[in-house]
Amino acid sequence: TSLRKRINLIKYMQSLGVFSFLCCVVSMYCIYNSWNNAAKTVFATSLISLLASLVISLIEIVQSTHALELE
């Protein structure tokens, strides 16, 4: 159903957001230890995960507003 799909989108969005923040923390730790190559890789992973989270959020918003229009 539509509600179940939206709940799953929210779950994936939040999971990717948390993963992104965890990668940011790991990236800061890598910078602290002067592991620059690792820091760049982990930070890039963080940005990609945050981007995916935002795209999923946008999809959920579109679905949510469409559902409200049907009401």
C-alpha atoms as a PDB file:
ATOM      1  CA  THR A   1       0.000   0.000   0.000  1.00  0.00           C
ATOM      2  CA  SER A   2       0.954   3.641  -0.320  1.00  0.00           C
ATOM      3  CA  LEU A   3       1.364   4.154   3.427  1.00  0.00           C
ATOM      4  CA  ARG A   4       3.700   1.163   3.744  1.00  0.00           C
ATOM      5  CA  LYS A   5       5.821   2.461   0.844  1.00  0.00           C
ATOM      6  CA  ARG A   6       6.054   5.879   2.489  1.00  0.00           C
ATOM      7  CA  ILE A   7       7.030   4.335   5.836  1.00  0.00           C
ATOM      8  CA  ASN A   8       9.780   2.344   4.104  1.00  0.00           C
ATOM      9  CA  LEU A   9      11.018   5.480   2.348  1.00  0.00           C
ATOM     10  CA  ILE A  10      11.185   7.298   5.683  1.00  0.00           C
ATOM     11  CA  LYS A  11      13.060   4.370   7.224  1.00  0.00           C
ATOM     12  CA  TYR A  12      15.634   4.350   4.395  1.00  0.00           C
ATOM     13  CA  MET A  13      15.930   8.143   4.490  1.00  0.00           C
ATOM     14  CA  GLN A  14      16.636   8.166   8.227  1.00  0.00           C
ATOM     15  CA  SER A  15      19.061   5.253   7.988  1.00  0.00           C
ATOM     16  CA  LEU A  16      21.069   6.960   5.262  1.00  0.00           C
ATOM     17  CA  GLY A  17      21.053  10.214   7.242  1.00  0.00           C
ATOM     18  CA  VAL A  18      22.416   8.485  10.343  1.00  0.00           C
ATOM     19  CA  PHE A  19      25.004   6.659   8.240  1.00  0.00           C
ATOM     20  CA  SER A  20      26.052   9.982   6.738  1.00  0.00           C
ATOM     21  CA  PHE A  21      26.594  11.537  10.165  1.00  0.00           C
ATOM     22  CA  LEU A  22      28.545   8.488  11.341  1.00  0.00           C
ATOM     23  CA  CYS A  23      30.780   8.798   8.287  1.00  0.00           C
ATOM     24  CA  CYS A  24      31.327  12.471   9.124  1.00  0.00           C
ATOM     25  CA  VAL A  25      32.508  11.514  12.614  1.00  0.00           C
ATOM     26  CA  VAL A  26      34.832   8.864  11.204  1.00  0.00           C
ATOM     27  CA  SER A  27      36.112  11.397   8.676  1.00  0.00           C
ATOM     28  CA  MET A  28      36.904  13.887  11.462  1.00  0.00           C
ATOM     29  CA  TYR A  29      38.748  11.134  13.336  1.00  0.00           C
ATOM     30  CA  CYS A  30      40.757  10.375  10.197  1.00  0.00           C
ATOM     31  CA  ILE A  31      41.635  14.067   9.830  1.00  0.00           C
ATOM     32  CA  TYR A  32      42.658  14.166  13.505  1.00  0.00           C
ATOM     33  CA  ASN A  33      45.061  11.271  12.869  1.00  0.00           C
ATOM     34  CA  SER A  34      46.295  12.796   9.569  1.00  0.00           C
ATOM     35  CA  TRP A  35      44.887   9.930   7.515  1.00  0.00           C
ATOM     36  CA  ASN A  36      44.013  12.273   4.663  1.00  0.00           C
ATOM     37  CA  ASN A  37      43.243   9.713   1.949  1.00  0.00           C
ATOM     38  CA  ALA A  38      40.935   7.771   4.248  1.00  0.00           C
ATOM     39  CA  ALA A  39      39.294  11.017   5.395  1.00  0.00           C
ATOM     40  CA  LYS A  40      38.565  12.025   1.792  1.00  0.00           C
ATOM     41  CA  THR A  41      37.075   8.631   0.957  1.00  0.00           C
ATOM     42  CA  VAL A  42      34.910   8.460   4.063  1.00  0.00           C
ATOM     43  CA  PHE A  43      33.737  12.048   3.634  1.00  0.00           C
ATOM     44  CA  ALA A  44      32.827  11.379  -0.011  1.00  0.00           C
ATOM     45  CA  THR A  45      30.817   8.362   1.169  1.00  0.00           C
ATOM     46  CA  SER A  46      29.115  10.598   3.697  1.00  0.00           C
ATOM     47  CA  LEU A  47      28.160  13.142   1.035  1.00  0.00           C
ATOM     48  CA  ILE A  48      26.795  10.474  -1.307  1.00  0.00           C
ATOM     49  CA  SER A  49      24.753   8.948   1.491  1.00  0.00           C
ATOM     50  CA  LEU A  50      23.393  12.356   2.488  1.00  0.00           C
ATOM     51  CA  LEU A  51      22.478  13.061  -1.127  1.00  0.00           C
ATOM     52  CA  ALA A  52      20.634   9.732  -1.367  1.00  0.00           C
ATOM     53  CA  SER A  53      18.802  10.524   1.877  1.00  0.00           C
ATOM     54  CA  LEU A  54      17.702  13.901   0.513  1.00  0.00           C
ATOM     55  CA  VAL A  55      16.505  12.375  -2.765  1.00  0.00           C
ATOM     56  CA  ILE A  56      14.462   9.787  -0.865  1.00  0.00           C
ATOM     57  CA  SER A  57      13.069  12.580   1.300  1.00  0.00           C
ATOM     58  CA  LEU A  58      11.989  14.474  -1.800  1.00  0.00           C
ATOM     59  CA  ILE A  59      10.291  11.362  -3.209  1.00  0.00           C
ATOM     60  CA  GLU A  60       8.434  10.845   0.073  1.00  0.00           C
ATOM     61  CA  ILE A  61       7.301  14.486   0.135  1.00  0.00           C
ATOM     62  CA  VAL A  62       5.937  14.181  -3.400  1.00  0.00           C
ATOM     63  CA  GLN A  63       4.069  10.994  -2.486  1.00  0.00           C
ATOM     64  CA  SER A  64       2.754  12.566   0.704  1.00  0.00           C
ATOM     65  CA  THR A  65       1.414  15.655  -1.036  1.00  0.00           C
ATOM     66  CA  HIS A  66      -0.136  13.491  -3.756  1.00  0.00           C
ATOM     67  CA  ALA A  67      -1.915  11.456  -1.074  1.00  0.00           C
ATOM     68  CA  LEU A  68      -3.202  14.661   0.528  1.00  0.00           C
ATOM     69  CA  GLU A  69      -4.509  15.892  -2.820  1.00  0.00           C
ATOM     70  CA  LEU A  70      -6.519  12.691  -3.196  1.00  0.00           C
ATOM     71  CA  GLU A  71      -8.167  13.325   0.172  1.00  0.00           C
END
